[in-house]
Amino acid sequence: MEHKNIVATIYLKDGKAIKARDNYEEYPDVIELAKLYNDSGIDKIMIFDLSRTDEEHERNIQVIRNINRNIEIKVCAGGNINRMEDIKKFIYAGCLQVIVNGSKPESMALAAEASRRFGKDRILVSVTNVDFIFKHQDEMADTFHEVLILNKAVLDAVEGMTDVPHVVYLNDADYDEILSILSRKNVRGIAGSLINNPKTDIMEMKSQLSASGIKMDNFEPALKWSDLKKNSDGMVPVIVQDYRTDEVLMLAYMNEEAFDTTINIGKMTYYSRSRNELWTKGLTSGHIQYVKSLTADCDYDTILAKVSQIGAACHTGNRSCFFNEIVKKEYVEKNPQKVLGDVYNIISDRKENPKEGSYTNLLLEKGLDNILKKVGEENTEIIIAAKNTDHEHLKYEISDYIYHLMVLMAEKDITWEEITQELSQRK
């Protein structure tokens, strides 16, 4: 049995996130909202573009692109899709899936073309009644990955017409109804106002559903507390790292209750030796640590936690507790991720803060055509060098090409995160 999904919904109007289609109250920051969903246990985000003009549509596309730059969970989007170009815009903005509107007559033809071009795993359809599915029963399985049912009253009828998995949108639902719907064979997930509420404890909901026999994508530890070796106080030290940068943030301790609580709620929870009490990081300060992974060392006596850190990890207000330098030896950084990120950041800084005599600024000042000319020249140099046997020359030309490619990326506001996200889909 596959995991059931908890799906959040974001409605975009003129570049802002609003509470619902018929509730124009805005969330303060759409990127922070998406990050919260990303960290709190949500499995996927659906974004609906409510734009009415091309200008508003482009603003919403830019917001979707920014969301995808900042989160890792799946994002699918729909709204204002009238031609293949509109589907491509969502995909090129980083969305793994696109939702076509089953109430539009042209949607089936568009979906069929998009499914052939991008694969059916990337195409969804939203319905409020059974008309679309009734008319296209024979084509559903070859065209769509999921059906988004916006009206739960038609669920029984939809299940009688297609085996394509469903995600059901619930305007209001209690736990019993959620459990009942997720128990259905072809229901892959639920969405709705309860899920969208930032105050809903998604990990707690998943824990309850798991206890009721629903297979959820939540933490199922491979090691038990009894597998770990405790110190003389009956605790295990925990080293905490930022999951994106690997920066070491802090050291704390867990007892069994803290260990179990961390796994159940998805937020780092420790035992305070000074206060003799359990504490979930950030409950009072807001500086929550959302769990990304927990790993035991070779001796099973230390835990490495990778987390999404909100705000500062240290009580002093510093990002990391480790800032009091003792000794430091200069060295040449060779970590590819760090080097590429650092060089890109320097290029971006030159773009915003020009420096006299900078070659990067000379390239940027001459404009896009000159940058493209240099990229083309360096590409040719790689080909020539590769035909020869001089390893050092080829290494130099590849480095030169990557640098000029990063200048182009900075000029067009494309980040390494966007590139790596696209590459991750090509496994």
Protein backbone atom coordinates (compact mmCIF):
# COMPACT_ATOMS: atom_id res chain seq x y z
CA MET A 1 0.00 0.00 0.00
CA GLU A 2 1.38 3.40 -0.99
CA HIS A 3 1.57 6.35 1.38
CA LYS A 4 -1.41 8.67 1.63
CA ASN A 5 -0.69 12.36 1.09
CA ILE A 6 -1.55 15.47 3.08
CA VAL A 7 -1.77 18.27 0.53
CA ALA A 8 -1.75 22.01 1.24
CA THR A 9 -3.31 24.55 -1.11
CA ILE A 10 -2.09 28.06 -1.90
CA TYR A 11 -4.29 30.50 -3.82
CA LEU A 12 -2.42 33.27 -5.64
CA LYS A 13 -4.04 36.54 -6.58
CA ASP A 14 -1.86 39.26 -8.08
CA GLY A 15 1.30 37.82 -6.55
CA LYS A 16 -0.18 37.43 -3.05
CA ALA A 17 -1.42 34.37 -1.20
CA ILE A 18 -5.05 34.63 -0.11
CA LYS A 19 -6.99 32.45 2.33
CA ALA A 20 -9.37 30.91 -0.24
CA ARG A 21 -10.94 31.46 -3.65
CA ASP A 22 -13.73 33.44 -2.02
CA ASN A 23 -11.68 34.90 0.86
CA TYR A 24 -9.28 37.63 -0.27
CA GLU A 25 -7.65 38.05 3.13
CA GLU A 26 -3.92 37.86 2.45
CA TYR A 27 -1.21 35.85 4.19
CA PRO A 28 1.68 38.18 5.18
CA ASP A 29 4.38 36.29 3.24
CA VAL A 30 3.69 33.58 0.69
CA ILE A 31 7.29 32.29 0.70
CA GLU A 32 7.25 31.87 4.49
CA LEU A 33 3.89 30.10 4.21
CA ALA A 34 5.34 27.68 1.65
CA LYS A 35 8.40 27.09 3.84
CA LEU A 36 6.14 26.31 6.80
CA TYR A 37 4.24 23.73 4.73
CA ASN A 38 7.59 22.34 3.52
CA ASP A 39 8.86 21.79 7.07
CA SER A 40 5.72 20.86 8.97
CA GLY A 41 4.95 17.50 7.34
CA ILE A 42 2.93 18.50 4.26
CA ASP A 43 3.59 16.08 1.39
CA LYS A 44 2.68 18.30 -1.55
CA ILE A 45 1.53 21.85 -2.28
CA MET A 46 -1.11 22.68 -4.87
CA ILE A 47 -1.03 26.26 -6.14
CA PHE A 48 -3.98 27.83 -7.92
CA ASP A 49 -3.28 30.86 -10.07
CA LEU A 50 -6.39 33.06 -9.88
CA SER A 51 -5.09 35.67 -12.32
CA ARG A 52 -7.40 37.42 -14.76
CA THR A 53 -4.82 39.27 -16.87
CA ASP A 54 -1.51 38.30 -18.49
CA GLU A 55 0.33 40.77 -16.24
CA GLU A 56 -1.14 39.25 -13.09
CA HIS A 57 -0.42 35.77 -14.46
CA GLU A 58 3.26 36.62 -14.92
CA ARG A 59 3.46 37.96 -11.35
CA ASN A 60 1.98 34.73 -10.05
CA ILE A 61 4.40 32.65 -12.16
CA GLN A 62 7.31 34.56 -10.61
CA VAL A 63 5.96 33.84 -7.12
CA ILE A 64 5.66 30.13 -7.99
CA ARG A 65 9.25 30.17 -9.24
CA ASN A 66 10.38 31.73 -5.96
CA ILE A 67 8.43 29.15 -3.96
CA ASN A 68 10.14 26.33 -5.82
CA ARG A 69 13.52 27.91 -5.13
CA ASN A 70 12.88 27.74 -1.40
CA ILE A 71 11.26 24.35 -0.77
CA GLU A 72 11.87 20.66 -1.54
CA ILE A 73 8.44 19.02 -1.44
CA LYS A 74 6.40 18.51 -4.61
CA VAL A 75 4.57 21.52 -6.03
CA CYS A 76 1.79 21.29 -8.60
CA ALA A 77 0.00 24.30 -10.05
CA GLY A 78 -2.99 25.17 -12.18
CA GLY A 79 -5.23 28.04 -13.20
CA ASN A 80 -5.43 30.25 -16.29
CA ILE A 81 -4.38 27.36 -18.54
CA ASN A 82 -5.63 27.98 -22.07
CA ARG A 83 -2.80 26.66 -24.25
CA MET A 84 0.27 24.44 -24.10
CA GLU A 85 2.45 27.48 -23.39
CA ASP A 86 0.64 27.94 -20.05
CA ILE A 87 1.44 24.36 -19.00
CA LYS A 88 5.08 24.87 -19.98
CA LYS A 89 5.26 28.04 -17.86
CA PHE A 90 4.29 26.13 -14.71
CA ILE A 91 6.76 23.34 -15.44
CA TYR A 92 9.56 25.78 -16.24
CA ALA A 93 8.76 27.59 -12.98
CA GLY A 94 9.75 24.38 -11.17
CA CYS A 95 6.40 22.63 -10.70
CA LEU A 96 6.59 18.84 -10.86
CA GLN A 97 2.93 18.59 -11.88
CA VAL A 98 0.30 20.75 -13.59
CA ILE A 99 -3.45 20.76 -12.90
CA VAL A 100 -5.84 21.27 -15.84
CA ASN A 101 -9.41 22.39 -15.24
CA GLY A 102 -11.93 19.67 -16.09
CA SER A 103 -14.68 22.25 -16.57
CA LYS A 104 -12.98 23.72 -19.66
CA PRO A 105 -13.84 22.04 -23.00
CA GLU A 106 -10.26 22.32 -24.28
CA SER A 107 -8.68 20.69 -21.22
CA MET A 108 -8.70 17.07 -22.47
CA ALA A 109 -6.88 17.88 -25.70
CA LEU A 110 -4.34 19.99 -23.81
CA ALA A 111 -3.86 17.33 -21.15
CA ALA A 112 -3.37 14.58 -23.74
CA GLU A 113 -0.71 16.63 -25.56
CA ALA A 114 1.02 17.56 -22.29
CA SER A 115 0.95 13.95 -21.11
CA ARG A 116 2.64 12.81 -24.33
CA ARG A 117 5.23 15.55 -24.08
CA PHE A 118 6.05 15.58 -20.35
CA GLY A 119 4.69 12.23 -19.14
CA LYS A 120 1.34 11.48 -17.53
CA ASP A 121 2.92 11.55 -14.04
CA ARG A 122 3.07 15.33 -14.41
CA ILE A 123 -0.55 15.95 -15.40
CA LEU A 124 -3.54 16.21 -13.01
CA VAL A 125 -7.17 17.24 -13.58
CA SER A 126 -9.52 19.03 -11.18
CA VAL A 127 -13.26 18.27 -11.25
CA THR A 128 -16.33 19.49 -9.39
CA ASN A 129 -18.74 17.04 -11.07
CA VAL A 130 -18.53 13.79 -13.03
CA ASP A 131 -19.14 15.20 -16.54
CA PHE A 132 -15.48 15.35 -17.57
CA ILE A 133 -14.67 11.86 -16.30
CA PHE A 134 -17.86 10.39 -17.81
CA LYS A 135 -16.97 11.79 -21.24
CA HIS A 136 -13.34 10.65 -21.11
CA GLN A 137 -13.41 7.38 -19.13
CA ASP A 138 -11.35 5.52 -21.72
CA GLU A 139 -8.62 8.18 -21.78
CA MET A 140 -8.22 8.90 -18.06
CA ALA A 141 -5.68 6.21 -17.16
CA ASP A 142 -3.37 7.09 -20.07
CA THR A 143 -3.54 10.84 -19.48
CA PHE A 144 -3.67 11.66 -15.78
CA HIS A 145 -1.64 10.90 -12.66
CA GLU A 146 -4.35 12.08 -10.26
CA VAL A 147 -7.83 13.51 -10.14
CA LEU A 148 -8.37 16.42 -7.76
CA ILE A 149 -11.96 16.17 -6.55
CA LEU A 150 -13.11 19.61 -5.44
CA ASN A 151 -16.58 18.44 -4.42
CA LYS A 152 -16.56 15.46 -2.05
CA ALA A 153 -20.21 14.74 -2.89
CA VAL A 154 -19.15 13.25 -6.25
CA LEU A 155 -16.50 10.93 -4.75
CA ASP A 156 -18.62 7.77 -5.00
CA ALA A 157 -19.52 8.51 -8.63
CA VAL A 158 -15.91 9.23 -9.59
CA GLU A 159 -14.74 5.98 -8.01
CA GLY A 160 -17.28 4.13 -10.13
CA MET A 161 -15.87 5.56 -13.35
CA THR A 162 -12.07 5.58 -13.02
CA ASP A 163 -9.26 3.94 -11.07
CA VAL A 164 -7.02 6.98 -11.44
CA PRO A 165 -6.06 7.93 -7.85
CA HIS A 166 -7.89 10.85 -6.25
CA VAL A 167 -7.02 13.73 -3.97
CA VAL A 168 -10.16 14.96 -2.21
CA TYR A 169 -10.62 18.59 -1.18
CA LEU A 170 -12.53 18.97 2.09
CA ASN A 171 -13.87 22.39 3.05
CA ASP A 172 -14.73 21.21 6.55
CA ALA A 173 -13.90 17.84 8.01
CA ASP A 174 -13.41 16.22 11.37
CA TYR A 175 -10.93 13.45 12.10
CA ASP A 176 -13.45 10.64 11.57
CA GLU A 177 -14.34 11.89 8.08
CA ILE A 178 -10.67 12.30 7.16
CA LEU A 179 -9.99 8.75 8.34
CA SER A 180 -12.97 7.42 6.40
CA ILE A 181 -11.96 9.11 3.15
CA LEU A 182 -8.29 8.14 3.37
CA SER A 183 -9.34 4.54 3.98
CA ARG A 184 -10.73 4.35 0.45
CA LYS A 185 -8.56 2.38 -1.96
CA ASN A 186 -8.25 4.98 -4.73
CA VAL A 187 -7.95 8.04 -2.51
CA ARG A 188 -4.29 9.07 -2.57
CA GLY A 189 -4.64 12.11 -0.34
CA ILE A 190 -6.67 14.93 1.13
CA ALA A 191 -6.55 18.70 0.91
CA GLY A 192 -8.68 21.43 2.42
CA SER A 193 -9.05 24.37 4.76
CA LEU A 194 -7.94 22.39 7.83
CA ILE A 195 -4.70 21.41 6.07
CA ASN A 196 -4.10 24.98 4.89
CA ASN A 197 -4.40 26.43 8.40
CA PRO A 198 -0.80 27.15 9.53
CA LYS A 199 -1.82 26.28 13.10
CA THR A 200 -2.79 22.69 12.24
CA ASP A 201 -0.28 20.21 13.61
CA ILE A 202 0.25 18.07 10.51
CA MET A 203 2.69 15.66 12.17
CA GLU A 204 0.22 15.02 14.97
CA MET A 205 -2.50 14.35 12.39
CA LYS A 206 -0.20 11.90 10.59
CA SER A 207 0.64 10.14 13.85
CA GLN A 208 -3.05 9.67 14.64
CA LEU A 209 -3.79 8.40 11.13
CA SER A 210 -0.85 5.99 11.30
CA ALA A 211 -2.14 4.65 14.61
CA SER A 212 -5.50 4.08 12.88
CA GLY A 213 -3.90 1.97 10.16
CA ILE A 214 -3.43 4.58 7.43
CA LYS A 215 0.05 4.44 5.87
CA MET A 216 1.48 7.95 6.06
CA ASP A 217 4.79 9.44 5.02
CA ASN A 218 5.96 10.27 8.52
CA PHE A 219 8.91 9.25 10.65
CA GLU A 220 9.25 5.51 11.19
CA PRO A 221 12.54 5.10 13.08
CA ALA A 222 14.91 2.33 12.00
CA LEU A 223 16.49 2.43 15.47
CA LYS A 224 14.75 2.37 18.84
CA TRP A 225 15.84 4.25 21.95
CA SER A 226 16.96 0.94 23.41
CA ASP A 227 19.43 0.54 20.50
CA LEU A 228 21.34 3.67 21.58
CA LYS A 229 24.11 3.82 24.19
CA LYS A 230 23.37 6.38 26.90
CA ASN A 231 25.81 8.44 28.95
CA SER A 232 25.99 8.31 32.75
CA ASP A 233 22.88 10.53 32.95
CA GLY A 234 20.87 8.17 30.75
CA MET A 235 20.94 10.59 27.83
CA VAL A 236 22.39 10.81 24.31
CA PRO A 237 24.13 13.94 22.95
CA VAL A 238 22.72 15.41 19.73
CA ILE A 239 24.79 17.40 17.23
CA VAL A 240 22.52 19.65 15.17
CA GLN A 241 23.29 20.72 11.58
CA ASP A 242 21.51 22.90 9.04
CA TYR A 243 20.24 20.41 6.45
CA ARG A 244 21.06 22.66 3.49
CA THR A 245 24.44 24.08 4.42
CA ASP A 246 25.73 21.43 6.89
CA GLU A 247 26.57 24.28 9.29
CA VAL A 248 26.85 22.95 12.85
CA LEU A 249 24.23 24.82 14.88
CA MET A 250 24.27 23.46 18.43
CA LEU A 251 24.76 20.54 20.81
CA ALA A 252 22.02 19.33 23.14
CA TYR A 253 20.86 16.15 24.89
CA MET A 254 17.91 13.78 24.61
CA ASN A 255 16.35 11.36 27.03
CA GLU A 256 13.86 8.73 25.88
CA GLU A 257 10.86 11.05 26.10
CA ALA A 258 12.65 13.73 24.07
CA PHE A 259 13.63 11.13 21.47
CA ASP A 260 10.07 9.82 21.11
CA THR A 261 8.58 13.33 21.07
CA THR A 262 10.99 14.47 18.35
CA ILE A 263 9.97 11.57 16.12
CA ASN A 264 6.25 12.00 16.79
CA ILE A 265 5.97 15.75 16.21
CA GLY A 266 8.82 16.30 13.73
CA LYS A 267 10.34 19.10 15.80
CA MET A 268 13.61 18.81 17.70
CA THR A 269 12.90 18.19 21.37
CA TYR A 270 15.58 17.91 24.05
CA TYR A 271 15.99 17.43 27.77
CA SER A 272 17.30 20.46 29.63
CA ARG A 273 19.83 19.33 32.22
CA SER A 274 19.83 22.77 33.89
CA ARG A 275 16.03 23.01 34.19
CA ASN A 276 15.37 19.27 34.50
CA GLU A 277 12.57 19.39 31.96
CA LEU A 278 11.66 18.50 28.40
CA TRP A 279 11.81 21.36 25.87
CA THR A 280 10.87 21.60 22.22
CA LYS A 281 13.21 24.05 20.55
CA GLY A 282 11.45 27.27 19.53
CA LEU A 283 8.09 26.86 21.26
CA THR A 284 8.58 30.18 23.08
CA SER A 285 11.07 31.94 20.75
CA GLY A 286 9.64 30.74 17.44
CA HIS A 287 13.09 29.40 16.49
CA ILE A 288 11.76 25.93 15.71
CA GLN A 289 13.98 23.15 14.35
CA TYR A 290 12.04 20.97 11.90
CA VAL A 291 13.53 17.48 11.61
CA LYS A 292 14.94 16.44 8.25
CA SER A 293 16.94 13.42 9.43
CA LEU A 294 18.32 11.72 12.54
CA THR A 295 21.41 9.48 12.26
CA ALA A 296 23.32 7.56 14.93
CA ASP A 297 27.12 7.40 14.84
CA CYS A 298 29.19 4.20 14.60
CA ASP A 299 29.07 3.60 18.36
CA TYR A 300 25.36 4.39 18.70
CA ASP A 301 26.16 6.93 21.42
CA THR A 302 25.64 10.20 19.51
CA ILE A 303 22.87 11.45 17.21
CA LEU A 304 23.42 13.73 14.22
CA ALA A 305 20.28 15.77 13.51
CA LYS A 306 19.83 17.64 10.24
CA VAL A 307 17.18 20.31 10.61
CA SER A 308 15.47 23.24 8.98
CA GLN A 309 16.29 25.99 11.46
CA ILE A 310 13.84 28.86 11.81
CA GLY A 311 15.72 31.93 13.03
CA ALA A 312 18.67 31.52 15.36
CA ALA A 313 19.78 28.26 16.97
CA CYS A 314 21.68 29.98 19.79
CA HIS A 315 20.05 31.74 22.76
CA THR A 316 22.45 34.67 22.12
CA GLY A 317 20.71 35.37 18.82
CA ASN A 318 23.54 33.94 16.72
CA ARG A 319 22.63 31.56 13.95
CA SER A 320 25.00 28.93 15.43
CA CYS A 321 26.18 28.36 18.98
CA PHE A 322 29.71 27.86 17.63
CA PHE A 323 31.13 31.34 17.07
CA ASN A 324 33.94 31.73 19.64
CA GLU A 325 37.06 31.16 17.54
CA ILE A 326 39.99 29.41 19.24
CA VAL A 327 42.42 28.74 16.37
CA LYS A 328 42.07 28.91 12.60
CA LYS A 329 44.34 27.89 9.76
CA GLU A 330 43.72 29.26 6.29
CA TYR A 331 42.99 26.64 3.62
CA VAL A 332 41.81 26.45 0.03
CA GLU A 333 38.14 25.51 -0.14
CA LYS A 334 37.59 22.58 -2.54
CA ASN A 335 34.05 21.49 -1.68
CA PRO A 336 32.26 21.76 -5.08
CA GLN A 337 28.96 22.89 -3.55
CA LYS A 338 30.69 25.58 -1.48
CA VAL A 339 32.95 26.78 -4.29
CA LEU A 340 30.18 27.04 -6.89
CA GLY A 341 27.90 28.76 -4.39
CA ASP A 342 30.58 31.22 -3.31
CA VAL A 343 31.56 32.16 -6.87
CA TYR A 344 27.93 32.60 -7.87
CA ASN A 345 27.33 34.81 -4.82
CA ILE A 346 30.32 36.98 -5.77
CA ILE A 347 29.00 37.36 -9.32
CA SER A 348 25.54 38.27 -7.99
CA ASP A 349 27.09 40.80 -5.61
CA ARG A 350 29.03 42.38 -8.50
CA LYS A 351 25.72 42.72 -10.34
CA GLU A 352 24.14 44.58 -7.42
CA ASN A 353 27.31 46.39 -6.24
CA PRO A 354 29.62 47.05 -9.20
CA LYS A 355 33.36 47.12 -8.47
CA GLU A 356 35.73 49.18 -10.56
CA GLY A 357 38.16 47.07 -12.56
CA SER A 358 36.10 43.86 -12.12
CA TYR A 359 36.06 41.57 -15.17
CA THR A 360 32.66 40.32 -14.05
CA ASN A 361 31.27 43.85 -14.11
CA LEU A 362 32.80 44.41 -17.54
CA LEU A 363 30.88 41.40 -18.83
CA LEU A 364 27.65 42.46 -17.16
CA GLU A 365 27.92 46.06 -18.35
CA LYS A 366 28.31 44.98 -21.98
CA GLY A 367 24.98 43.18 -21.76
CA LEU A 368 23.41 39.83 -22.60
CA ASP A 369 24.67 39.54 -26.18
CA ASN A 370 28.28 39.89 -25.06
CA ILE A 371 27.77 37.32 -22.26
CA LEU A 372 26.26 34.87 -24.75
CA LYS A 373 29.17 35.46 -27.12
CA LYS A 374 31.64 34.58 -24.35
CA VAL A 375 29.67 31.46 -23.36
CA GLY A 376 29.74 30.34 -26.99
CA GLU A 377 33.47 31.00 -27.29
CA GLU A 378 34.25 29.10 -24.10
CA ASN A 379 32.08 26.19 -25.23
CA THR A 380 34.10 25.97 -28.43
CA GLU A 381 37.34 26.08 -26.42
CA ILE A 382 36.16 23.05 -24.42
CA ILE A 383 35.51 21.08 -27.61
CA ILE A 384 38.94 21.92 -28.99
CA ALA A 385 40.68 21.11 -25.70
CA ALA A 386 38.81 17.81 -25.38
CA LYS A 387 40.11 16.70 -28.80
CA ASN A 388 43.66 17.18 -27.54
CA THR A 389 45.35 15.16 -24.81
CA ASP A 390 46.25 18.01 -22.43
CA HIS A 391 44.28 17.30 -19.26
CA GLU A 392 45.30 20.59 -17.65
CA HIS A 393 44.17 22.63 -20.64
CA LEU A 394 40.76 20.92 -20.67
CA LYS A 395 40.38 21.47 -16.93
CA TYR A 396 41.12 25.18 -17.40
CA GLU A 397 38.64 25.57 -20.27
CA ILE A 398 35.86 23.78 -18.36
CA SER A 399 36.45 26.10 -15.39
CA ASP A 400 36.37 29.13 -17.68
CA TYR A 401 33.12 27.94 -19.25
CA ILE A 402 31.44 27.32 -15.89
CA TYR A 403 32.41 30.80 -14.70
CA HIS A 404 30.93 32.48 -17.80
CA LEU A 405 27.87 30.24 -17.52
CA MET A 406 27.37 31.52 -13.95
CA VAL A 407 27.59 35.10 -15.21
CA LEU A 408 24.77 34.24 -17.62
CA MET A 409 22.81 32.61 -14.77
CA ALA A 410 23.19 35.72 -12.61
CA GLU A 411 22.22 37.98 -15.51
CA LYS A 412 19.01 35.96 -16.03
CA ASP A 413 18.35 35.50 -12.27
CA ILE A 414 18.70 31.70 -12.41
CA THR A 415 20.08 30.15 -9.22
CA TRP A 416 22.00 26.92 -8.59
CA GLU A 417 18.99 25.74 -6.57
CA GLU A 418 16.84 25.94 -9.70
CA ILE A 419 19.42 24.08 -11.76
CA THR A 420 19.87 21.31 -9.20
CA GLN A 421 16.11 20.98 -8.82
CA GLU A 422 15.78 20.50 -12.57
CA LEU A 423 18.66 18.01 -12.64
CA SER A 424 17.13 16.02 -9.78
CA GLN A 425 14.14 15.27 -12.02
CA ARG A 426 16.37 13.63 -14.65
CA LYS A 427 17.45 10.55 -12.73
